[in-house]
Amino acid sequence: MCENLLTLKQVCERVSMSPSYVRLLIRNDKFPPATHKISPRTVRWLESTVTEWIQLNAKNNN
């Protein structure tokens, strides 16, 4: 099965955060780094990685 790769914009839409805030979380090891580096300025996340992060944070916030 082929899994979807998400752009930073798509990740931000899913987590309802700005790109700069997502980058800040990554720098502080609070959000998973991109799983695929396409080129020096193009990265992607596995959809499952983002979904797992959302679920984990939903549990921690409740």
PDB file of N, CA and C in Angstrom:
ATOM      1  N   MET A   1       0.842  -1.175   0.000  1.00  0.00           N
ATOM      2  CA  MET A   1       0.000   0.000   0.000  1.00  0.00           C
ATOM      3  C   MET A   1       0.890   1.242   0.000  1.00  0.00           C
ATOM      4  N   CYS A   2       0.515   2.215  -0.767  1.00  0.00           N
ATOM      5  CA  CYS A   2       1.268   3.457  -0.880  1.00  0.00           C
ATOM      6  C   CYS A   2       0.654   4.491   0.065  1.00  0.00           C
ATOM      7  N   GLU A   3       1.483   5.053   0.919  1.00  0.00           N
ATOM      8  CA  GLU A   3       0.982   6.018   1.893  1.00  0.00           C
ATOM      9  C   GLU A   3       1.143   7.440   1.375  1.00  0.00           C
ATOM     10  N   ASN A   4       0.211   8.298   1.751  1.00  0.00           N
ATOM     11  CA  ASN A   4       0.252   9.694   1.324  1.00  0.00           C
ATOM     12  C   ASN A   4       1.391  10.444   1.998  1.00  0.00           C
ATOM     13  N   LEU A   5       2.003  11.334   1.229  1.00  0.00           N
ATOM     14  CA  LEU A   5       3.002  12.252   1.755  1.00  0.00           C
ATOM     15  C   LEU A   5       2.370  13.632   1.823  1.00  0.00           C
ATOM     16  N   LEU A   6       2.573  14.328   2.933  1.00  0.00           N
ATOM     17  CA  LEU A   6       1.966  15.634   3.144  1.00  0.00           C
ATOM     18  C   LEU A   6       3.000  16.744   3.058  1.00  0.00           C
ATOM     19  N   THR A   7       2.607  17.851   2.455  1.00  0.00           N
ATOM     20  CA  THR A   7       3.445  19.044   2.417  1.00  0.00           C
ATOM     21  C   THR A   7       3.327  19.767   3.759  1.00  0.00           C
ATOM     22  N   LEU A   8       4.178  20.752   3.973  1.00  0.00           N
ATOM     23  CA  LEU A   8       4.088  21.552   5.196  1.00  0.00           C
ATOM     24  C   LEU A   8       2.720  22.226   5.272  1.00  0.00           C
ATOM     25  N   LYS A   9       2.241  22.731   4.165  1.00  0.00           N
ATOM     26  CA  LYS A   9       0.926  23.385   4.144  1.00  0.00           C
ATOM     27  C   LYS A   9      -0.168  22.413   4.579  1.00  0.00           C
ATOM     28  N   GLN A  10      -0.128  21.199   4.067  1.00  0.00           N
ATOM     29  CA  GLN A  10      -1.131  20.196   4.438  1.00  0.00           C
ATOM     30  C   GLN A  10      -1.013  19.810   5.910  1.00  0.00           C
ATOM     31  N   VAL A  11       0.209  19.684   6.391  1.00  0.00           N
ATOM     32  CA  VAL A  11       0.427  19.382   7.810  1.00  0.00           C
ATOM     33  C   VAL A  11      -0.178  20.493   8.666  1.00  0.00           C
ATOM     34  N   CYS A  12       0.094  21.729   8.300  1.00  0.00           N
ATOM     35  CA  CYS A  12      -0.418  22.876   9.061  1.00  0.00           C
ATOM     36  C   CYS A  12      -1.940  22.903   9.081  1.00  0.00           C
ATOM     37  N   GLU A  13      -2.551  22.574   7.960  1.00  0.00           N
ATOM     38  CA  GLU A  13      -4.015  22.526   7.898  1.00  0.00           C
ATOM     39  C   GLU A  13      -4.556  21.446   8.830  1.00  0.00           C
ATOM     40  N   ARG A  14      -3.894  20.312   8.882  1.00  0.00           N
ATOM     41  CA  ARG A  14      -4.371  19.197   9.720  1.00  0.00           C
ATOM     42  C   ARG A  14      -4.222  19.479  11.205  1.00  0.00           C
ATOM     43  N   VAL A  15      -3.159  20.174  11.578  1.00  0.00           N
ATOM     44  CA  VAL A  15      -2.927  20.431  13.004  1.00  0.00           C
ATOM     45  C   VAL A  15      -3.385  21.823  13.430  1.00  0.00           C
ATOM     46  N   SER A  16      -3.893  22.604  12.493  1.00  0.00           N
ATOM     47  CA  SER A  16      -4.391  23.966  12.762  1.00  0.00           C
ATOM     48  C   SER A  16      -3.329  24.847  13.406  1.00  0.00           C
ATOM     49  N   MET A  17      -2.153  24.842  12.789  1.00  0.00           N
ATOM     50  CA  MET A  17      -1.037  25.662  13.256  1.00  0.00           C
ATOM     51  C   MET A  17      -0.370  26.325  12.060  1.00  0.00           C
ATOM     52  N   SER A  18       0.342  27.397  12.333  1.00  0.00           N
ATOM     53  CA  SER A  18       1.063  28.090  11.264  1.00  0.00           C
ATOM     54  C   SER A  18       2.354  27.342  10.934  1.00  0.00           C
ATOM     55  N   PRO A  19       2.889  27.559   9.735  1.00  0.00           N
ATOM     56  CA  PRO A  19       4.166  26.924   9.381  1.00  0.00           C
ATOM     57  C   PRO A  19       5.295  27.284  10.347  1.00  0.00           C
ATOM     58  N   SER A  20       5.341  28.540  10.763  1.00  0.00           N
ATOM     59  CA  SER A  20       6.425  28.940  11.671  1.00  0.00           C
ATOM     60  C   SER A  20       6.305  28.236  13.025  1.00  0.00           C
ATOM     61  N   TYR A  21       5.078  28.020  13.493  1.00  0.00           N
ATOM     62  CA  TYR A  21       4.902  27.331  14.769  1.00  0.00           C
ATOM     63  C   TYR A  21       5.252  25.848  14.650  1.00  0.00           C
ATOM     64  N   VAL A  22       4.889  25.231  13.545  1.00  0.00           N
ATOM     65  CA  VAL A  22       5.260  23.826  13.325  1.00  0.00           C
ATOM     66  C   VAL A  22       6.781  23.698  13.294  1.00  0.00           C
ATOM     67  N   ARG A  23       7.452  24.611  12.614  1.00  0.00           N
ATOM     68  CA  ARG A  23       8.927  24.580  12.576  1.00  0.00           C
ATOM     69  C   ARG A  23       9.520  24.746  13.975  1.00  0.00           C
ATOM     70  N   LEU A  24       8.924  25.625  14.773  1.00  0.00           N
ATOM     71  CA  LEU A  24       9.383  25.820  16.150  1.00  0.00           C
ATOM     72  C   LEU A  24       9.227  24.527  16.958  1.00  0.00           C
ATOM     73  N   LEU A  25       8.098  23.867  16.813  1.00  0.00           N
ATOM     74  CA  LEU A  25       7.885  22.598  17.511  1.00  0.00           C
ATOM     75  C   LEU A  25       8.903  21.548  17.076  1.00  0.00           C
ATOM     76  N   ILE A  26       9.212  21.515  15.794  1.00  0.00           N
ATOM     77  CA  ILE A  26      10.216  20.562  15.293  1.00  0.00           C
ATOM     78  C   ILE A  26      11.575  20.851  15.924  1.00  0.00           C
ATOM     79  N   ARG A  27      11.960  22.126  15.943  1.00  0.00           N
ATOM     80  CA  ARG A  27      13.258  22.501  16.536  1.00  0.00           C
ATOM     81  C   ARG A  27      13.331  22.123  18.014  1.00  0.00           C
ATOM     82  N   ASN A  28      12.183  22.167  18.690  1.00  0.00           N
ATOM     83  CA  ASN A  28      12.135  21.840  20.121  1.00  0.00           C
ATOM     84  C   ASN A  28      11.774  20.377  20.382  1.00  0.00           C
ATOM     85  N   ASP A  29      11.847  19.548  19.337  1.00  0.00           N
ATOM     86  CA  ASP A  29      11.549  18.108  19.444  1.00  0.00           C
ATOM     87  C   ASP A  29      10.148  17.824  19.987  1.00  0.00           C
ATOM     88  N   LYS A  30       9.185  18.667  19.611  1.00  0.00           N
ATOM     89  CA  LYS A  30       7.804  18.466  20.047  1.00  0.00           C
ATOM     90  C   LYS A  30       6.879  18.126  18.884  1.00  0.00           C
ATOM     91  N   PHE A  31       7.444  18.024  17.702  1.00  0.00           N
ATOM     92  CA  PHE A  31       6.701  17.607  16.508  1.00  0.00           C
ATOM     93  C   PHE A  31       7.663  16.780  15.670  1.00  0.00           C
ATOM     94  N   PRO A  32       7.174  15.711  15.046  1.00  0.00           N
ATOM     95  CA  PRO A  32       8.083  14.853  14.272  1.00  0.00           C
ATOM     96  C   PRO A  32       8.669  15.580  13.063  1.00  0.00           C
ATOM     97  N   PRO A  33       9.951  15.436  12.829  1.00  0.00           N
ATOM     98  CA  PRO A  33      10.556  16.047  11.641  1.00  0.00           C
ATOM     99  C   PRO A  33      10.034  15.378  10.378  1.00  0.00           C
ATOM    100  N   ALA A  34      10.216  16.039   9.268  1.00  0.00           N
ATOM    101  CA  ALA A  34       9.784  15.483   7.984  1.00  0.00           C
ATOM    102  C   ALA A  34      10.430  14.119   7.770  1.00  0.00           C
ATOM    103  N   THR A  35       9.680  13.213   7.190  1.00  0.00           N
ATOM    104  CA  THR A  35      10.177  11.857   6.969  1.00  0.00           C
ATOM    105  C   THR A  35      10.836  11.689   5.609  1.00  0.00           C
ATOM    106  N   HIS A  36      10.580  12.613   4.682  1.00  0.00           N
ATOM    107  CA  HIS A  36      11.144  12.525   3.332  1.00  0.00           C
ATOM    108  C   HIS A  36      11.707  13.876   2.909  1.00  0.00           C
ATOM    109  N   LYS A  37      12.964  13.890   2.548  1.00  0.00           N
ATOM    110  CA  LYS A  37      13.584  15.107   2.025  1.00  0.00           C
ATOM    111  C   LYS A  37      13.694  14.940   0.513  1.00  0.00           C
ATOM    112  N   ILE A  38      12.848  15.646  -0.221  1.00  0.00           N
ATOM    113  CA  ILE A  38      12.789  15.536  -1.672  1.00  0.00           C
ATOM    114  C   ILE A  38      13.940  16.321  -2.305  1.00  0.00           C
ATOM    115  N   SER A  39      14.179  17.503  -1.777  1.00  0.00           N
ATOM    116  CA  SER A  39      15.284  18.364  -2.205  1.00  0.00           C
ATOM    117  C   SER A  39      15.655  19.214  -0.991  1.00  0.00           C
ATOM    118  N   PRO A  40      16.681  20.053  -1.092  1.00  0.00           N
ATOM    119  CA  PRO A  40      17.076  20.833   0.091  1.00  0.00           C
ATOM    120  C   PRO A  40      15.946  21.669   0.708  1.00  0.00           C
ATOM    121  N   ARG A  41      15.013  22.127  -0.115  1.00  0.00           N
ATOM    122  CA  ARG A  41      13.935  22.972   0.402  1.00  0.00           C
ATOM    123  C   ARG A  41      12.551  22.319   0.314  1.00  0.00           C
ATOM    124  N   THR A  42      12.510  21.050  -0.020  1.00  0.00           N
ATOM    125  CA  THR A  42      11.233  20.354  -0.178  1.00  0.00           C
ATOM    126  C   THR A  42      11.214  19.108   0.694  1.00  0.00           C
ATOM    127  N   VAL A  43      10.327  19.125   1.678  1.00  0.00           N
ATOM    128  CA  VAL A  43      10.212  17.988   2.588  1.00  0.00           C
ATOM    129  C   VAL A  43       8.755  17.541   2.664  1.00  0.00           C
ATOM    130  N   ARG A  44       8.566  16.303   3.089  1.00  0.00           N
ATOM    131  CA  ARG A  44       7.228  15.731   3.214  1.00  0.00           C
ATOM    132  C   ARG A  44       7.159  14.883   4.481  1.00  0.00           C
ATOM    133  N   TRP A  45       5.938  14.760   5.007  1.00  0.00           N
ATOM    134  CA  TRP A  45       5.664  13.920   6.161  1.00  0.00           C
ATOM    135  C   TRP A  45       4.759  12.781   5.735  1.00  0.00           C
ATOM    136  N   LEU A  46       4.973  11.614   6.306  1.00  0.00           N
ATOM    137  CA  LEU A  46       4.021  10.528   6.114  1.00  0.00           C
ATOM    138  C   LEU A  46       2.718  10.914   6.813  1.00  0.00           C
ATOM    139  N   GLU A  47       1.626  10.661   6.158  1.00  0.00           N
ATOM    140  CA  GLU A  47       0.325  10.985   6.736  1.00  0.00           C
ATOM    141  C   GLU A  47       0.142  10.283   8.079  1.00  0.00           C
ATOM    142  N   SER A  48       0.590   9.051   8.181  1.00  0.00           N
ATOM    143  CA  SER A  48       0.436   8.295   9.434  1.00  0.00           C
ATOM    144  C   SER A  48       1.226   8.929  10.582  1.00  0.00           C
ATOM    145  N   THR A  49       2.370   9.512  10.282  1.00  0.00           N
ATOM    146  CA  THR A  49       3.183  10.172  11.307  1.00  0.00           C
ATOM    147  C   THR A  49       2.431  11.357  11.902  1.00  0.00           C
ATOM    148  N   VAL A  50       1.821  12.150  11.038  1.00  0.00           N
ATOM    149  CA  VAL A  50       1.064  13.322  11.494  1.00  0.00           C
ATOM    150  C   VAL A  50      -0.188  12.883  12.255  1.00  0.00           C
ATOM    151  N   THR A  51      -0.865  11.877  11.750  1.00  0.00           N
ATOM    152  CA  THR A  51      -2.070  11.365  12.411  1.00  0.00           C
ATOM    153  C   THR A  51      -1.744  10.839  13.806  1.00  0.00           C
ATOM    154  N   GLU A  52      -0.647  10.107  13.937  1.00  0.00           N
ATOM    155  CA  GLU A  52      -0.225   9.596  15.249  1.00  0.00           C
ATOM    156  C   GLU A  52       0.062  10.746  16.211  1.00  0.00           C
ATOM    157  N   TRP A  53       0.728  11.791  15.720  1.00  0.00           N
ATOM    158  CA  TRP A  53       1.046  12.945  16.563  1.00  0.00           C
ATOM    159  C   TRP A  53      -0.244  13.618  17.034  1.00  0.00           C
ATOM    160  N   ILE A  54      -1.202  13.778  16.137  1.00  0.00           N
ATOM    161  CA  ILE A  54      -2.487  14.396  16.492  1.00  0.00           C
ATOM    162  C   ILE A  54      -3.180  13.567  17.573  1.00  0.00           C
ATOM    163  N   GLN A  55      -3.228  12.256  17.389  1.00  0.00           N
ATOM    164  CA  GLN A  55      -3.892  11.379  18.357  1.00  0.00           C
ATOM    165  C   GLN A  55      -3.193  11.402  19.712  1.00  0.00           C
ATOM    166  N   LEU A  56      -1.880  11.377  19.706  1.00  0.00           N
ATOM    167  CA  LEU A  56      -1.115  11.416  20.951  1.00  0.00           C
ATOM    168  C   LEU A  56      -1.365  12.717  21.701  1.00  0.00           C
ATOM    169  N   ASN A  57      -1.374  13.827  20.984  1.00  0.00           N
ATOM    170  CA  ASN A  57      -1.587  15.116  21.635  1.00  0.00           C
ATOM    171  C   ASN A  57      -3.028  15.306  22.075  1.00  0.00           C
ATOM    172  N   ALA A  58      -3.967  14.708  21.379  1.00  0.00           N
ATOM    173  CA  ALA A  58      -5.365  14.773  21.807  1.00  0.00           C
ATOM    174  C   ALA A  58      -5.529  14.044  23.141  1.00  0.00           C
ATOM    175  N   LYS A  59      -4.852  12.898  23.290  1.00  0.00           N
ATOM    176  CA  LYS A  59      -4.919  12.141  24.546  1.00  0.00           C
ATOM    177  C   LYS A  59      -4.255  12.912  25.680  1.00  0.00           C
ATOM    178  N   ASN A  60      -3.121  13.550  25.392  1.00  0.00           N
ATOM    179  CA  ASN A  60      -2.388  14.282  26.425  1.00  0.00           C
ATOM    180  C   ASN A  60      -3.112  15.542  26.869  1.00  0.00           C
ATOM    181  N   ASN A  61      -3.941  16.105  26.001  1.00  0.00           N
ATOM    182  CA  ASN A  61      -4.654  17.338  26.339  1.00  0.00           C
ATOM    183  C   ASN A  61      -5.975  17.078  27.043  1.00  0.00           C
ATOM    184  N   ASN A  62      -6.396  15.836  27.100  1.00  0.00           N
ATOM    185  CA  ASN A  62      -7.677  15.506  27.759  1.00  0.00           C
ATOM    186  C   ASN A  62      -7.479  14.998  29.142  1.00  0.00           C
TER     187      ASN A  62
END
